[in-house]
Amino acid sequence: MMNFLPTGTPWLPSTDRYSTMPTARCADSGLQLPRIALGLWHNFGDDRPFQTQRDIIRFAFDHGIYHFDIANNYGPPAGSTEENFGRIFAKDLRAHRHELVISTKAGWDMWEGPYGQGGSRNYLLSSLDESLTRMGLDYVDIFYHHRPEGETRLEESMMALRDAVASGKARYVGISSYSAHATIQAQSIMRELGVPLVIHQPSYSMLNRWVEEGEPSLLDTAAEQKMGVIAFSPLAQGMLTDKYLDGIPENSRLGVGKVSREFLTDETLDHIRALNDIAHERGQDLAQMAIAWVLRDQGARTVTTALVGASSVEQLSNSLGALDATDFSDEELQAIDEHAVDSGINQWWGATETRP
């Protein structure tokens, strides 16, 4: 149920906000996350109405989404998403800070000069300080190295993460888009430093299955290394929805150039349409099935939480419907596997990182 309050009306979060949202623990750590988290990548910059952003975050918290995922360079412009979240936090969520899991990252381009991106100690810790200032926070719950860099010694990047925790500016630390081999290396360093990585954030969807590949796969590695997995882009940048079944809308991510049109080949579109048919047979729309599939039971390598975006309250409400049917029969999984094939859409590999 979606309630929109008149401007100026005080907002109080729902008292039963934890009654329907399942949670999962990141391995054996104390970090527990909702099975669906809200990512603020595309829809919380200065190009979007502030009140819409506020409505989405309120709705999320009302429905048990207490994890909000950001990065230093989210916008546009870079940094504006953290600033906008900070305004919403100050207005609506400050009294509930102890309930929230707020994460941010550093690794991609943020400012000019040699210390504006990468994995140096200078960049990572300076970025964290600026992120806290923009959001009006004393600490974040998770601080990630956003990508493998390859030029800076891995020990330096990991020591910066260790020091973020030691300083009290981050409660937990993680990595994003690291291969299985690099994850093993990073975790080994962090264990020696006394601050193990608790979470990995890779891209993962029915059209981007790299985390399942290799010996060991990243999913197997995360389980072995006692790390949770939060999967971003489970809808493959919106392609795993009904949005593109009949063409590319002008106001879509592909339509405005945020995602390359080259990703939506005729072959990929045929797979998407077939997956859409399977979803309808399950009583779901394609987006709901795509999220449920990422969260499906894979034993020890099951994904902890799916990180979804939302441009409206209605879209987020629809995504939450994925939780109504996360079980799949063997027959359904076999049918999905025929069309859930890697489609060359993974944009997040570092220049020196290779697939596992």
Protein backbone atom coordinates (compact mmCIF):
# COMPACT_ATOMS: atom_id res chain seq x y z
CA MET A 1 0.00 0.00 0.00
CA MET A 2 1.44 3.34 -1.08
CA ASN A 3 0.61 6.43 0.97
CA PHE A 4 1.73 9.85 -0.17
CA LEU A 5 1.65 12.54 2.53
CA PRO A 6 0.75 16.17 1.84
CA THR A 7 3.77 18.46 1.80
CA GLY A 8 4.73 19.42 5.34
CA THR A 9 3.02 16.44 7.00
CA PRO A 10 5.31 14.71 9.52
CA TRP A 11 6.35 11.22 8.41
CA LEU A 12 6.69 8.32 10.78
CA PRO A 13 7.93 4.97 9.48
CA SER A 14 5.65 1.96 9.58
CA THR A 15 5.68 0.12 12.89
CA ASP A 16 5.54 -3.27 11.13
CA ARG A 17 8.39 -2.55 8.72
CA TYR A 18 10.29 -5.69 9.68
CA SER A 19 7.35 -8.08 9.49
CA THR A 20 7.63 -9.07 5.82
CA MET A 21 11.27 -8.50 4.81
CA PRO A 22 13.48 -11.59 5.26
CA THR A 23 17.11 -11.00 6.21
CA ALA A 24 20.33 -12.93 5.73
CA ARG A 25 23.65 -12.90 7.52
CA CYS A 26 26.95 -12.29 5.73
CA ALA A 27 28.60 -15.63 6.48
CA ASP A 28 29.45 -15.79 10.19
CA SER A 29 29.83 -12.03 10.70
CA GLY A 30 27.43 -9.84 12.65
CA LEU A 31 26.32 -8.07 9.48
CA GLN A 32 22.72 -8.94 8.56
CA LEU A 33 21.07 -7.49 5.46
CA PRO A 34 17.57 -7.44 4.00
CA ARG A 35 17.24 -9.84 1.07
CA ILE A 36 16.49 -6.79 -1.09
CA ALA A 37 18.51 -3.59 -0.64
CA LEU A 38 18.11 -0.22 -2.37
CA GLY A 39 20.89 1.00 -4.62
CA LEU A 40 21.04 4.75 -5.33
CA TRP A 41 23.15 4.53 -8.48
CA HIS A 42 21.02 6.04 -11.24
CA ASN A 43 18.03 7.76 -9.67
CA PHE A 44 19.22 10.01 -6.85
CA GLY A 45 21.35 12.65 -8.53
CA ASP A 46 20.45 16.26 -9.17
CA ASP A 47 18.73 15.29 -12.44
CA ARG A 48 15.86 13.68 -10.49
CA PRO A 49 13.13 15.37 -8.41
CA PHE A 50 14.15 15.47 -4.77
CA GLN A 51 10.67 14.66 -3.48
CA THR A 52 10.56 11.53 -5.64
CA GLN A 53 13.84 10.41 -4.12
CA ARG A 54 12.47 11.06 -0.66
CA ASP A 55 9.27 9.12 -1.37
CA ILE A 56 11.28 6.11 -2.60
CA ILE A 57 13.54 6.01 0.45
CA ARG A 58 10.61 6.41 2.83
CA PHE A 59 8.74 3.61 1.08
CA ALA A 60 11.83 1.41 1.21
CA PHE A 61 12.28 1.86 4.95
CA ASP A 62 8.55 1.37 5.54
CA HIS A 63 8.88 -2.05 3.90
CA GLY A 64 11.94 -3.35 5.71
CA ILE A 65 14.68 -2.11 3.38
CA TYR A 66 17.16 -0.70 5.85
CA HIS A 67 20.25 -1.04 3.64
CA PHE A 68 20.99 1.89 1.31
CA ASP A 69 23.94 1.52 -1.05
CA ILE A 70 25.75 4.55 -2.53
CA ALA A 71 29.17 5.44 -3.98
CA ASN A 72 31.23 8.62 -3.97
CA ASN A 73 30.74 9.29 -7.69
CA TYR A 74 27.01 8.63 -7.98
CA GLY A 75 25.04 11.51 -9.43
CA PRO A 76 25.03 13.43 -11.68
CA PRO A 77 27.06 15.36 -10.79
CA ALA A 78 29.46 13.14 -8.88
CA GLY A 79 28.78 13.41 -5.16
CA SER A 80 25.23 14.68 -5.51
CA THR A 81 23.65 11.34 -4.64
CA GLU A 82 25.42 11.30 -1.30
CA GLU A 83 24.37 14.90 -0.72
CA ASN A 84 20.74 14.15 -1.55
CA PHE A 85 20.73 11.06 0.61
CA GLY A 86 22.22 13.12 3.43
CA ARG A 87 19.36 15.61 3.15
CA ILE A 88 16.79 12.81 3.28
CA PHE A 89 18.62 11.15 6.16
CA ALA A 90 18.61 14.41 8.13
CA LYS A 91 14.90 15.00 7.50
CA ASP A 92 13.52 11.49 7.88
CA LEU A 93 15.95 8.85 9.13
CA ARG A 94 18.35 10.35 11.65
CA ALA A 95 16.31 9.06 14.59
CA HIS A 96 16.68 5.56 13.14
CA ARG A 97 20.42 5.63 12.43
CA HIS A 98 21.04 2.57 14.60
CA GLU A 99 18.67 0.53 12.41
CA LEU A 100 20.28 1.44 9.10
CA VAL A 101 23.04 -0.08 7.01
CA ILE A 102 24.51 2.71 4.86
CA SER A 103 27.32 1.89 2.47
CA THR A 104 29.53 3.88 0.16
CA LYS A 105 32.49 3.12 -2.09
CA ALA A 106 35.57 4.61 -3.72
CA GLY A 107 37.54 3.42 -6.71
CA TRP A 108 36.13 4.95 -9.88
CA ASP A 109 36.82 8.49 -11.14
CA MET A 110 35.81 11.15 -8.63
CA TRP A 111 38.00 14.25 -9.04
CA GLU A 112 40.87 15.45 -11.24
CA GLY A 113 44.47 14.46 -10.70
CA PRO A 114 46.31 11.25 -9.84
CA TYR A 115 44.53 10.84 -6.49
CA GLY A 116 41.00 11.12 -7.90
CA GLN A 117 40.49 7.41 -8.61
CA GLY A 118 42.04 3.99 -8.07
CA GLY A 119 43.17 2.24 -4.93
CA SER A 120 45.72 4.49 -3.24
CA ARG A 121 45.54 5.13 0.48
CA ASN A 122 45.33 8.85 -0.25
CA TYR A 123 42.30 8.47 -2.49
CA LEU A 124 40.37 5.90 -0.47
CA LEU A 125 40.63 7.63 2.89
CA SER A 126 40.17 11.14 1.48
CA SER A 127 37.10 9.94 -0.40
CA LEU A 128 35.62 8.37 2.73
CA ASP A 129 36.07 11.64 4.63
CA GLU A 130 34.32 13.56 1.87
CA SER A 131 31.51 11.01 1.66
CA LEU A 132 30.83 11.30 5.38
CA THR A 133 30.72 15.09 5.08
CA ARG A 134 28.30 14.97 2.15
CA MET A 135 25.96 12.59 3.96
CA GLY A 136 26.26 14.20 7.38
CA LEU A 137 27.37 10.94 8.99
CA ASP A 138 29.97 10.01 11.58
CA TYR A 139 30.48 6.58 10.01
CA VAL A 140 29.23 4.28 7.28
CA ASP A 141 28.29 0.71 7.99
CA ILE A 142 30.12 -0.66 4.93
CA PHE A 143 32.97 0.93 2.97
CA TYR A 144 33.99 -0.77 -0.27
CA HIS A 145 36.92 -0.59 -2.61
CA HIS A 146 34.77 -0.13 -5.69
CA ARG A 147 36.94 -1.98 -8.22
CA PRO A 148 40.28 -3.77 -8.59
CA GLU A 149 42.85 -1.22 -9.70
CA GLY A 150 45.97 -3.22 -10.55
CA GLU A 151 48.67 -0.53 -10.32
CA THR A 152 48.63 0.24 -6.59
CA ARG A 153 49.86 -2.61 -4.41
CA LEU A 154 46.85 -4.51 -3.07
CA GLU A 155 48.35 -4.29 0.42
CA GLU A 156 48.07 -0.50 0.33
CA SER A 157 44.41 -0.57 -0.64
CA MET A 158 43.60 -3.17 2.00
CA MET A 159 45.49 -1.26 4.71
CA ALA A 160 43.38 1.77 3.87
CA LEU A 161 40.23 -0.31 4.40
CA ARG A 162 41.67 -1.58 7.69
CA ASP A 163 42.35 1.96 8.82
CA ALA A 164 38.83 3.07 7.85
CA VAL A 165 37.54 0.57 10.41
CA ALA A 166 40.22 1.38 12.99
CA SER A 167 39.33 5.08 12.79
CA GLY A 168 35.67 4.36 13.49
CA LYS A 169 34.61 5.78 10.11
CA ALA A 170 33.43 2.38 8.82
CA ARG A 171 31.96 -0.55 10.72
CA TYR A 172 32.64 -3.15 8.02
CA VAL A 173 34.60 -3.24 4.75
CA GLY A 174 34.17 -5.04 1.46
CA ILE A 175 35.23 -5.16 -2.17
CA SER A 176 33.40 -4.91 -5.48
CA SER A 177 34.01 -6.51 -8.90
CA TYR A 178 37.13 -8.40 -7.76
CA SER A 179 37.78 -11.77 -9.42
CA ALA A 180 37.89 -14.94 -7.35
CA HIS A 181 41.71 -14.94 -7.35
CA ALA A 182 41.95 -11.27 -6.33
CA THR A 183 39.31 -11.86 -3.63
CA ILE A 184 41.40 -14.64 -2.11
CA GLN A 185 44.46 -12.38 -2.12
CA ALA A 186 42.58 -9.46 -0.58
CA GLN A 187 40.99 -11.57 2.13
CA SER A 188 44.33 -13.11 3.05
CA ILE A 189 45.81 -9.64 3.57
CA MET A 190 42.81 -8.45 5.57
CA ARG A 191 42.88 -11.47 7.85
CA GLU A 192 46.52 -10.75 8.63
CA LEU A 193 45.53 -7.16 9.39
CA GLY A 194 42.79 -8.37 11.74
CA VAL A 195 39.87 -6.89 9.80
CA PRO A 196 38.42 -9.54 7.46
CA LEU A 197 36.36 -8.47 4.49
CA VAL A 198 32.73 -9.36 5.19
CA ILE A 199 31.09 -8.74 1.82
CA HIS A 200 31.65 -8.75 -1.93
CA GLN A 201 29.52 -6.72 -4.37
CA PRO A 202 29.64 -8.17 -7.91
CA SER A 203 27.34 -7.67 -10.87
CA TYR A 204 25.10 -10.72 -11.36
CA SER A 205 22.03 -11.40 -13.42
CA MET A 206 20.53 -13.95 -15.81
CA LEU A 207 22.42 -12.18 -18.61
CA ASN A 208 25.68 -11.75 -16.65
CA ARG A 209 26.67 -14.96 -14.88
CA TRP A 210 30.42 -14.48 -14.49
CA VAL A 211 30.28 -15.08 -10.72
CA GLU A 212 29.32 -18.71 -11.38
CA GLU A 213 32.26 -19.37 -13.72
CA GLY A 214 35.80 -20.55 -13.05
CA GLU A 215 37.51 -22.92 -10.62
CA PRO A 216 36.86 -21.71 -8.07
CA SER A 217 33.97 -19.42 -9.02
CA LEU A 218 33.51 -16.13 -7.23
CA LEU A 219 30.39 -17.47 -5.49
CA ASP A 220 32.33 -20.49 -4.22
CA THR A 221 35.23 -18.25 -3.21
CA ALA A 222 32.99 -15.89 -1.24
CA ALA A 223 31.52 -18.84 0.65
CA GLU A 224 34.96 -20.29 1.37
CA GLN A 225 36.29 -16.89 2.45
CA LYS A 226 33.33 -16.27 4.79
CA MET A 227 31.98 -13.30 2.83
CA GLY A 228 28.43 -12.32 2.02
CA VAL A 229 27.49 -11.48 -1.56
CA ILE A 230 25.32 -8.51 -2.53
CA ALA A 231 24.51 -8.72 -6.24
CA PHE A 232 24.15 -5.45 -8.12
CA SER A 233 22.33 -4.97 -11.44
CA PRO A 234 20.14 -8.10 -11.09
CA LEU A 235 17.92 -6.61 -13.81
CA ALA A 236 20.88 -6.18 -16.19
CA GLN A 237 20.53 -2.39 -16.29
CA GLY A 238 16.80 -2.70 -16.89
CA MET A 239 17.01 -5.18 -19.77
CA LEU A 240 15.44 -7.93 -17.64
CA THR A 241 12.11 -6.11 -17.52
CA ASP A 242 9.23 -5.78 -19.96
CA LYS A 243 10.52 -2.33 -20.95
CA TYR A 244 12.37 -3.39 -24.10
CA LEU A 245 10.19 -6.20 -25.41
CA ASP A 246 8.78 -4.01 -28.19
CA GLY A 247 11.64 -1.55 -28.75
CA ILE A 248 13.75 1.01 -26.88
CA PRO A 249 11.73 3.75 -25.14
CA GLU A 250 13.25 7.22 -25.48
CA ASN A 251 13.35 7.81 -21.71
CA SER A 252 14.94 4.44 -20.87
CA ARG A 253 18.59 3.92 -19.90
CA LEU A 254 19.34 2.63 -23.38
CA GLY A 255 17.29 5.43 -24.90
CA VAL A 256 19.23 8.21 -23.15
CA GLY A 257 22.62 6.54 -23.54
CA LYS A 258 23.27 5.49 -19.93
CA VAL A 259 23.58 1.92 -21.22
CA SER A 260 24.98 1.02 -24.64
CA ARG A 261 22.39 0.00 -27.22
CA GLU A 262 24.92 -2.56 -28.42
CA PHE A 263 24.05 -4.72 -25.40
CA LEU A 264 20.50 -5.32 -26.66
CA THR A 265 21.23 -7.54 -29.66
CA ASP A 266 18.51 -9.45 -31.49
CA GLU A 267 19.78 -12.66 -29.92
CA THR A 268 19.70 -11.19 -26.41
CA LEU A 269 16.20 -9.83 -27.01
CA ASP A 270 15.02 -13.30 -28.07
CA HIS A 271 16.34 -14.68 -24.76
CA ILE A 272 14.67 -11.88 -22.81
CA ARG A 273 11.31 -12.58 -24.46
CA ALA A 274 11.61 -16.28 -23.67
CA LEU A 275 12.47 -15.50 -20.05
CA ASN A 276 9.49 -13.16 -19.93
CA ASP A 277 7.23 -16.06 -20.97
CA ILE A 278 8.67 -18.27 -18.21
CA ALA A 279 8.09 -15.52 -15.66
CA HIS A 280 4.44 -15.23 -16.64
CA GLU A 281 4.05 -18.99 -16.27
CA ARG A 282 5.33 -18.57 -12.71
CA GLY A 283 2.85 -15.77 -12.00
CA GLN A 284 5.58 -13.11 -11.94
CA ASP A 285 6.70 -10.38 -14.27
CA LEU A 286 10.19 -10.62 -15.71
CA ALA A 287 11.76 -8.19 -13.23
CA GLN A 288 10.38 -10.10 -10.26
CA MET A 289 11.62 -13.43 -11.60
CA ALA A 290 15.06 -11.95 -12.36
CA ILE A 291 15.45 -10.76 -8.76
CA ALA A 292 14.07 -14.02 -7.34
CA TRP A 293 16.48 -16.01 -9.53
CA VAL A 294 19.49 -14.11 -8.16
CA LEU A 295 18.26 -14.88 -4.63
CA ARG A 296 17.50 -18.56 -5.35
CA ASP A 297 18.84 -21.24 -3.04
CA GLN A 298 22.33 -22.28 -4.18
CA GLY A 299 23.40 -23.85 -0.94
CA ALA A 300 26.53 -22.35 0.62
CA ARG A 301 26.97 -20.02 -2.36
CA THR A 302 23.51 -18.44 -2.14
CA VAL A 303 23.53 -14.68 -2.69
CA THR A 304 22.92 -12.77 0.53
CA THR A 305 20.94 -9.88 -0.94
CA ALA A 306 19.91 -8.38 -4.26
CA LEU A 307 20.68 -4.70 -4.81
CA VAL A 308 17.91 -3.06 -6.83
CA GLY A 309 17.43 0.45 -8.12
CA ALA A 310 14.15 2.33 -8.40
CA SER A 311 13.02 5.43 -10.24
CA SER A 312 9.61 5.43 -8.54
CA VAL A 313 7.78 4.02 -5.56
CA GLU A 314 5.75 1.87 -7.93
CA GLN A 315 8.88 0.28 -9.39
CA LEU A 316 10.30 -0.51 -5.97
CA SER A 317 6.97 -1.95 -4.84
CA ASN A 318 6.98 -4.22 -7.86
CA SER A 319 10.53 -5.38 -7.13
CA LEU A 320 9.52 -6.36 -3.61
CA GLY A 321 7.01 -8.75 -5.19
CA ALA A 322 9.99 -10.96 -6.09
CA LEU A 323 10.05 -12.13 -2.48
CA ASP A 324 6.64 -13.76 -2.89
CA ALA A 325 8.14 -16.52 -5.05
CA THR A 326 11.87 -17.20 -4.64
CA ASP A 327 11.59 -20.98 -4.98
CA PHE A 328 12.15 -22.59 -8.37
CA SER A 329 11.40 -26.11 -9.51
CA ASP A 330 14.11 -28.09 -11.29
CA GLU A 331 12.07 -27.83 -14.48
CA GLU A 332 11.86 -24.05 -14.19
CA LEU A 333 15.60 -23.72 -13.61
CA GLN A 334 16.33 -25.91 -16.63
CA ALA A 335 14.04 -23.80 -18.80
CA ILE A 336 15.62 -20.60 -17.51
CA ASP A 337 19.15 -21.91 -18.12
CA GLU A 338 18.40 -22.25 -21.84
CA HIS A 339 17.97 -18.48 -22.05
CA ALA A 340 19.89 -17.14 -19.04
CA VAL A 341 23.11 -16.96 -21.00
CA ASP A 342 26.01 -14.55 -20.64
CA SER A 343 25.36 -11.69 -23.06
CA GLY A 344 28.60 -9.68 -22.88
CA ILE A 345 27.13 -6.87 -20.78
CA ASN A 346 29.60 -6.82 -17.90
CA GLN A 347 31.03 -3.27 -17.90
CA TRP A 348 32.86 -3.41 -14.59
CA TRP A 349 36.10 -5.29 -15.17
CA GLY A 350 39.21 -3.32 -14.32
CA ALA A 351 41.87 -2.90 -16.99
CA THR A 352 44.18 -5.36 -15.27
CA GLU A 353 41.51 -7.79 -14.09
CA THR A 354 40.67 -10.92 -16.05
CA ARG A 355 37.72 -13.23 -15.73
CA PRO A 356 38.19 -16.15 -13.36
